PDB file of N, CA and C in Angstrom:
ATOM      1  N   MET A   1     -39.607 -38.448  11.277  1.00  0.00           N
ATOM      2  CA  MET A   1     -39.379 -39.598  12.094  1.00  0.00           C
ATOM      3  C   MET A   1     -40.164 -39.420  13.397  1.00  0.00           C
ATOM      4  N   SER A   2     -40.818 -40.470  13.830  1.00  0.00           N
ATOM      5  CA  SER A   2     -41.532 -40.479  15.100  1.00  0.00           C
ATOM      6  C   SER A   2     -40.771 -41.338  16.096  1.00  0.00           C
ATOM      7  N   ILE A   3     -40.621 -40.832  17.307  1.00  0.00           N
ATOM      8  CA  ILE A   3     -39.954 -41.577  18.365  1.00  0.00           C
ATOM      9  C   ILE A   3     -40.949 -41.750  19.500  1.00  0.00           C
ATOM     10  N   TYR A   4     -41.091 -42.970  19.981  1.00  0.00           N
ATOM     11  CA  TYR A   4     -42.006 -43.285  21.063  1.00  0.00           C
ATOM     12  C   TYR A   4     -41.223 -43.863  22.228  1.00  0.00           C
ATOM     13  N   THR A   5     -41.733 -43.668  23.435  1.00  0.00           N
ATOM     14  CA  THR A   5     -41.126 -44.238  24.628  1.00  0.00           C
ATOM     15  C   THR A   5     -42.098 -45.246  25.214  1.00  0.00           C
ATOM     16  N   TYR A   6     -41.609 -46.449  25.467  1.00  0.00           N
ATOM     17  CA  TYR A   6     -42.412 -47.499  26.078  1.00  0.00           C
ATOM     18  C   TYR A   6     -41.845 -47.799  27.460  1.00  0.00           C
ATOM     19  N   VAL A   7     -42.720 -48.008  28.431  1.00  0.00           N
ATOM     20  CA  VAL A   7     -42.311 -48.508  29.736  1.00  0.00           C
ATOM     21  C   VAL A   7     -42.966 -49.874  29.869  1.00  0.00           C
ATOM     22  N   VAL A   8     -42.137 -50.914  29.983  1.00  0.00           N
ATOM     23  CA  VAL A   8     -42.621 -52.293  30.031  1.00  0.00           C
ATOM     24  C   VAL A   8     -42.116 -52.940  31.319  1.00  0.00           C
ATOM     25  N   GLU A   9     -43.025 -53.483  32.103  1.00  0.00           N
ATOM     26  CA  GLU A   9     -42.653 -54.166  33.340  1.00  0.00           C
ATOM     27  C   GLU A   9     -42.379 -55.632  33.031  1.00  0.00           C
ATOM     28  N   HIS A  10     -41.162 -56.075  33.303  1.00  0.00           N
ATOM     29  CA  HIS A  10     -40.771 -57.467  33.071  1.00  0.00           C
ATOM     30  C   HIS A  10     -40.550 -58.222  34.369  1.00  0.00           C
ATOM     31  N   GLY A  11     -40.922 -57.625  35.498  1.00  0.00           N
ATOM     32  CA  GLY A  11     -40.671 -58.289  36.777  1.00  0.00           C
ATOM     33  C   GLY A  11     -39.181 -58.336  37.058  1.00  0.00           C
ATOM     34  N   ILE A  12     -38.710 -59.477  37.552  1.00  0.00           N
ATOM     35  CA  ILE A  12     -37.291 -59.594  37.884  1.00  0.00           C
ATOM     36  C   ILE A  12     -36.441 -59.999  36.681  1.00  0.00           C
ATOM     37  N   LYS A  13     -37.092 -60.348  35.584  1.00  0.00           N
ATOM     38  CA  LYS A  13     -36.356 -60.754  34.387  1.00  0.00           C
ATOM     39  C   LYS A  13     -35.965 -59.527  33.572  1.00  0.00           C
ATOM     40  N   SER A  14     -34.776 -59.546  33.026  1.00  0.00           N
ATOM     41  CA  SER A  14     -34.350 -58.503  32.095  1.00  0.00           C
ATOM     42  C   SER A  14     -34.381 -59.094  30.696  1.00  0.00           C
ATOM     43  N   PRO A  15     -35.132 -58.492  29.803  1.00  0.00           N
ATOM     44  CA  PRO A  15     -35.221 -59.053  28.461  1.00  0.00           C
ATOM     45  C   PRO A  15     -33.904 -58.919  27.703  1.00  0.00           C
ATOM     46  N   THR A  16     -33.678 -59.813  26.769  1.00  0.00           N
ATOM     47  CA  THR A  16     -32.511 -59.726  25.904  1.00  0.00           C
ATOM     48  C   THR A  16     -32.863 -58.794  24.754  1.00  0.00           C
ATOM     49  N   VAL A  17     -32.168 -57.686  24.670  1.00  0.00           N
ATOM     50  CA  VAL A  17     -32.375 -56.723  23.596  1.00  0.00           C
ATOM     51  C   VAL A  17     -31.015 -56.255  23.112  1.00  0.00           C
ATOM     52  N   GLY A  18     -30.981 -55.781  21.887  1.00  0.00           N
ATOM     53  CA  GLY A  18     -29.722 -55.293  21.346  1.00  0.00           C
ATOM     54  C   GLY A  18     -29.952 -54.218  20.305  1.00  0.00           C
ATOM     55  N   ALA A  19     -28.886 -53.530  19.983  1.00  0.00           N
ATOM     56  CA  ALA A  19     -28.958 -52.495  18.953  1.00  0.00           C
ATOM     57  C   ALA A  19     -29.487 -53.101  17.666  1.00  0.00           C
ATOM     58  N   ASN A  20     -30.306 -52.364  16.994  1.00  0.00           N
ATOM     59  CA  ASN A  20     -30.893 -52.727  15.711  1.00  0.00           C
ATOM     60  C   ASN A  20     -31.996 -53.770  15.810  1.00  0.00           C
ATOM     61  N   ASP A  21     -32.437 -54.149  17.038  1.00  0.00           N
ATOM     62  CA  ASP A  21     -33.620 -55.006  17.141  1.00  0.00           C
ATOM     63  C   ASP A  21     -34.802 -54.279  16.511  1.00  0.00           C
ATOM     64  N   ILE A  22     -35.670 -55.025  15.872  1.00  0.00           N
ATOM     65  CA  ILE A  22     -36.860 -54.442  15.263  1.00  0.00           C
ATOM     66  C   ILE A  22     -38.041 -54.643  16.218  1.00  0.00           C
ATOM     67  N   ILE A  23     -38.688 -53.539  16.594  1.00  0.00           N
ATOM     68  CA  ILE A  23     -39.827 -53.572  17.508  1.00  0.00           C
ATOM     69  C   ILE A  23     -40.965 -52.776  16.870  1.00  0.00           C
ATOM     70  N   ASN A  24     -42.091 -53.441  16.670  1.00  0.00           N
ATOM     71  CA  ASN A  24     -43.259 -52.801  16.041  1.00  0.00           C
ATOM     72  C   ASN A  24     -42.891 -52.124  14.726  1.00  0.00           C
ATOM     73  N   GLY A  25     -42.005 -52.716  13.977  1.00  0.00           N
ATOM     74  CA  GLY A  25     -41.626 -52.186  12.673  1.00  0.00           C
ATOM     75  C   GLY A  25     -40.560 -51.106  12.706  1.00  0.00           C
ATOM     76  N   GLY A  26     -40.074 -50.753  13.899  1.00  0.00           N
ATOM     77  CA  GLY A  26     -39.033 -49.724  14.014  1.00  0.00           C
ATOM     78  C   GLY A  26     -37.776 -50.301  14.629  1.00  0.00           C
ATOM     79  N   LYS A  27     -36.662 -49.618  14.416  1.00  0.00           N
ATOM     80  CA  LYS A  27     -35.368 -50.087  14.916  1.00  0.00           C
ATOM     81  C   LYS A  27     -35.122 -49.548  16.322  1.00  0.00           C
ATOM     82  N   LEU A  28     -34.745 -50.436  17.250  1.00  0.00           N
ATOM     83  CA  LEU A  28     -34.448 -50.052  18.625  1.00  0.00           C
ATOM     84  C   LEU A  28     -33.228 -49.135  18.646  1.00  0.00           C
ATOM     85  N   GLN A  29     -33.361 -47.996  19.319  1.00  0.00           N
ATOM     86  CA  GLN A  29     -32.272 -47.032  19.402  1.00  0.00           C
ATOM     87  C   GLN A  29     -31.574 -47.039  20.757  1.00  0.00           C
ATOM     88  N   SER A  30     -32.322 -47.245  21.844  1.00  0.00           N
ATOM     89  CA  SER A  30     -31.711 -47.247  23.175  1.00  0.00           C
ATOM     90  C   SER A  30     -32.608 -47.983  24.155  1.00  0.00           C
ATOM     91  N   VAL A  31     -32.000 -48.409  25.271  1.00  0.00           N
ATOM     92  CA  VAL A  31     -32.708 -49.158  26.305  1.00  0.00           C
ATOM     93  C   VAL A  31     -32.261 -48.655  27.667  1.00  0.00           C
ATOM     94  N   MET A  32     -33.206 -48.502  28.596  1.00  0.00           N
ATOM     95  CA  MET A  32     -32.899 -48.240  30.006  1.00  0.00           C
ATOM     96  C   MET A  32     -33.503 -49.384  30.796  1.00  0.00           C
ATOM     97  N   PHE A  33     -32.773 -49.904  31.751  1.00  0.00           N
ATOM     98  CA  PHE A  33     -33.296 -50.992  32.560  1.00  0.00           C
ATOM     99  C   PHE A  33     -33.824 -50.493  33.903  1.00  0.00           C
ATOM    100  N   ASP A  34     -34.348 -49.268  33.902  1.00  0.00           N
ATOM    101  CA  ASP A  34     -35.134 -48.739  35.015  1.00  0.00           C
ATOM    102  C   ASP A  34     -36.145 -47.767  34.406  1.00  0.00           C
ATOM    103  N   ASP A  35     -36.960 -47.162  35.226  1.00  0.00           N
ATOM    104  CA  ASP A  35     -38.035 -46.318  34.712  1.00  0.00           C
ATOM    105  C   ASP A  35     -37.531 -44.902  34.453  1.00  0.00           C
ATOM    106  N   GLY A  36     -37.061 -44.664  33.255  1.00  0.00           N
ATOM    107  CA  GLY A  36     -36.542 -43.356  32.871  1.00  0.00           C
ATOM    108  C   GLY A  36     -37.590 -42.257  32.947  1.00  0.00           C
ATOM    109  N   LEU A  37     -38.855 -42.585  32.658  1.00  0.00           N
ATOM    110  CA  LEU A  37     -39.914 -41.574  32.736  1.00  0.00           C
ATOM    111  C   LEU A  37     -40.149 -41.132  34.179  1.00  0.00           C
ATOM    112  N   ALA A  38     -40.051 -42.060  35.125  1.00  0.00           N
ATOM    113  CA  ALA A  38     -40.198 -41.700  36.535  1.00  0.00           C
ATOM    114  C   ALA A  38     -39.052 -40.799  36.981  1.00  0.00           C
ATOM    115  N   LYS A  39     -37.840 -41.082  36.499  1.00  0.00           N
ATOM    116  CA  LYS A  39     -36.695 -40.234  36.835  1.00  0.00           C
ATOM    117  C   LYS A  39     -36.860 -38.831  36.246  1.00  0.00           C
ATOM    118  N   LEU A  40     -37.383 -38.748  35.040  1.00  0.00           N
ATOM    119  CA  LEU A  40     -37.615 -37.456  34.408  1.00  0.00           C
ATOM    120  C   LEU A  40     -38.657 -36.656  35.190  1.00  0.00           C
ATOM    121  N   LYS A  41     -39.718 -37.316  35.645  1.00  0.00           N
ATOM    122  CA  LYS A  41     -40.755 -36.652  36.445  1.00  0.00           C
ATOM    123  C   LYS A  41     -40.167 -36.149  37.762  1.00  0.00           C
ATOM    124  N   ALA A  42     -39.326 -36.957  38.416  1.00  0.00           N
ATOM    125  CA  ALA A  42     -38.702 -36.545  39.668  1.00  0.00           C
ATOM    126  C   ALA A  42     -37.812 -35.318  39.455  1.00  0.00           C
ATOM    127  N   LEU A  43     -37.080 -35.294  38.345  1.00  0.00           N
ATOM    128  CA  LEU A  43     -36.231 -34.143  38.032  1.00  0.00           C
ATOM    129  C   LEU A  43     -37.079 -32.898  37.787  1.00  0.00           C
ATOM    130  N   GLU A  44     -38.186 -33.054  37.060  1.00  0.00           N
ATOM    131  CA  GLU A  44     -39.077 -31.923  36.806  1.00  0.00           C
ATOM    132  C   GLU A  44     -39.633 -31.369  38.124  1.00  0.00           C
ATOM    133  N   ASP A  45     -40.030 -32.248  39.038  1.00  0.00           N
ATOM    134  CA  ASP A  45     -40.537 -31.804  40.340  1.00  0.00           C
ATOM    135  C   ASP A  45     -39.455 -31.063  41.117  1.00  0.00           C
ATOM    136  N   PHE A  46     -38.218 -31.546  41.052  1.00  0.00           N
ATOM    137  CA  PHE A  46     -37.103 -30.898  41.732  1.00  0.00           C
ATOM    138  C   PHE A  46     -36.851 -29.499  41.172  1.00  0.00           C
ATOM    139  N   VAL A  47     -36.882 -29.374  39.851  1.00  0.00           N
ATOM    140  CA  VAL A  47     -36.662 -28.070  39.214  1.00  0.00           C
ATOM    141  C   VAL A  47     -37.792 -27.104  39.586  1.00  0.00           C
ATOM    142  N   LYS A  48     -39.029 -27.605  39.641  1.00  0.00           N
ATOM    143  CA  LYS A  48     -40.152 -26.753  40.046  1.00  0.00           C
ATOM    144  C   LYS A  48     -39.993 -26.286  41.485  1.00  0.00           C
ATOM    145  N   GLU A  49     -39.473 -27.156  42.354  1.00  0.00           N
ATOM    146  CA  GLU A  49     -39.237 -26.770  43.745  1.00  0.00           C
ATOM    147  C   GLU A  49     -38.197 -25.660  43.821  1.00  0.00           C
ATOM    148  N   ILE A  50     -37.164 -25.759  43.017  1.00  0.00           N
ATOM    149  CA  ILE A  50     -36.155 -24.691  42.966  1.00  0.00           C
ATOM    150  C   ILE A  50     -36.805 -23.395  42.511  1.00  0.00           C
ATOM    151  N   ARG A  51     -37.621 -23.490  41.451  1.00  0.00           N
ATOM    152  CA  ARG A  51     -38.300 -22.288  40.940  1.00  0.00           C
ATOM    153  C   ARG A  51     -39.170 -21.652  42.011  1.00  0.00           C
ATOM    154  N   ASP A  52     -39.883 -22.479  42.766  1.00  0.00           N
ATOM    155  CA  ASP A  52     -40.830 -21.960  43.749  1.00  0.00           C
ATOM    156  C   ASP A  52     -40.159 -21.413  45.009  1.00  0.00           C
ATOM    157  N   THR A  53     -38.901 -21.760  45.238  1.00  0.00           N
ATOM    158  CA  THR A  53     -38.229 -21.306  46.461  1.00  0.00           C
ATOM    159  C   THR A  53     -37.147 -20.264  46.204  1.00  0.00           C
ATOM    160  N   THR A  54     -36.783 -20.040  44.948  1.00  0.00           N
ATOM    161  CA  THR A  54     -35.728 -19.060  44.678  1.00  0.00           C
ATOM    162  C   THR A  54     -36.267 -17.640  44.818  1.00  0.00           C
ATOM    163  N   THR A  55     -35.401 -16.735  45.195  1.00  0.00           N
ATOM    164  CA  THR A  55     -35.774 -15.320  45.281  1.00  0.00           C
ATOM    165  C   THR A  55     -35.339 -14.555  44.034  1.00  0.00           C
ATOM    166  N   CYS A  56     -34.685 -15.245  43.119  1.00  0.00           N
ATOM    167  CA  CYS A  56     -34.174 -14.596  41.908  1.00  0.00           C
ATOM    168  C   CYS A  56     -35.202 -14.729  40.772  1.00  0.00           C
ATOM    169  N   ASN A  57     -35.773 -13.596  40.372  1.00  0.00           N
ATOM    170  CA  ASN A  57     -36.782 -13.625  39.307  1.00  0.00           C
ATOM    171  C   ASN A  57     -36.223 -14.141  37.990  1.00  0.00           C
ATOM    172  N   GLN A  58     -34.975 -13.841  37.699  1.00  0.00           N
ATOM    173  CA  GLN A  58     -34.365 -14.310  36.451  1.00  0.00           C
ATOM    174  C   GLN A  58     -34.334 -15.840  36.420  1.00  0.00           C
ATOM    175  N   THR A  59     -34.035 -16.458  37.560  1.00  0.00           N
ATOM    176  CA  THR A  59     -34.043 -17.923  37.643  1.00  0.00           C
ATOM    177  C   THR A  59     -35.450 -18.456  37.444  1.00  0.00           C
ATOM    178  N   LYS A  60     -36.437 -17.830  38.069  1.00  0.00           N
ATOM    179  CA  LYS A  60     -37.833 -18.257  37.904  1.00  0.00           C
ATOM    180  C   LYS A  60     -38.239 -18.211  36.436  1.00  0.00           C
ATOM    181  N   TYR A  61     -37.929 -17.114  35.755  1.00  0.00           N
ATOM    182  CA  TYR A  61     -38.299 -16.976  34.349  1.00  0.00           C
ATOM    183  C   TYR A  61     -37.580 -18.009  33.481  1.00  0.00           C
ATOM    184  N   ALA A  62     -36.311 -18.238  33.771  1.00  0.00           N
ATOM    185  CA  ALA A  62     -35.537 -19.213  32.994  1.00  0.00           C
ATOM    186  C   ALA A  62     -36.109 -20.620  33.172  1.00  0.00           C
ATOM    187  N   ILE A  63     -36.485 -20.975  34.386  1.00  0.00           N
ATOM    188  CA  ILE A  63     -37.060 -22.299  34.632  1.00  0.00           C
ATOM    189  C   ILE A  63     -38.413 -22.423  33.949  1.00  0.00           C
ATOM    190  N   ASP A  64     -39.248 -21.393  34.039  1.00  0.00           N
ATOM    191  CA  ASP A  64     -40.550 -21.425  33.362  1.00  0.00           C
ATOM    192  C   ASP A  64     -40.378 -21.589  31.856  1.00  0.00           C
ATOM    193  N   ASP A  65     -39.422 -20.855  31.277  1.00  0.00           N
ATOM    194  CA  ASP A  65     -39.153 -20.999  29.839  1.00  0.00           C
ATOM    195  C   ASP A  65     -38.719 -22.420  29.502  1.00  0.00           C
ATOM    196  N   PHE A  66     -37.878 -22.998  30.341  1.00  0.00           N
ATOM    197  CA  PHE A  66     -37.387 -24.358  30.104  1.00  0.00           C
ATOM    198  C   PHE A  66     -38.516 -25.379  30.190  1.00  0.00           C
ATOM    199  N   LEU A  67     -39.382 -25.231  31.202  1.00  0.00           N
ATOM    200  CA  LEU A  67     -40.462 -26.193  31.411  1.00  0.00           C
ATOM    201  C   LEU A  67     -41.581 -26.069  30.378  1.00  0.00           C
ATOM    202  N   ASN A  68     -41.692 -24.916  29.777  1.00  0.00           N
ATOM    203  CA  ASN A  68     -42.762 -24.714  28.787  1.00  0.00           C
ATOM    204  C   ASN A  68     -42.150 -24.730  27.428  1.00  0.00           C
TER     205      ASN A  68
END
């Protein structure tokens, strides 16, 4: 199974979508009405900042393992 993430700008309108909608031949599984990819990037940057400022090597290694 292949899962893809789309970010679509609809302006101020929120599209009507529902479970089991068919999009590009696949069934819709979930919807976010904000930019989930931007939130994920912000979280990754935050975790990297923790890694770069911690004095605990075990934490640094654990974060590197998680990010890679």
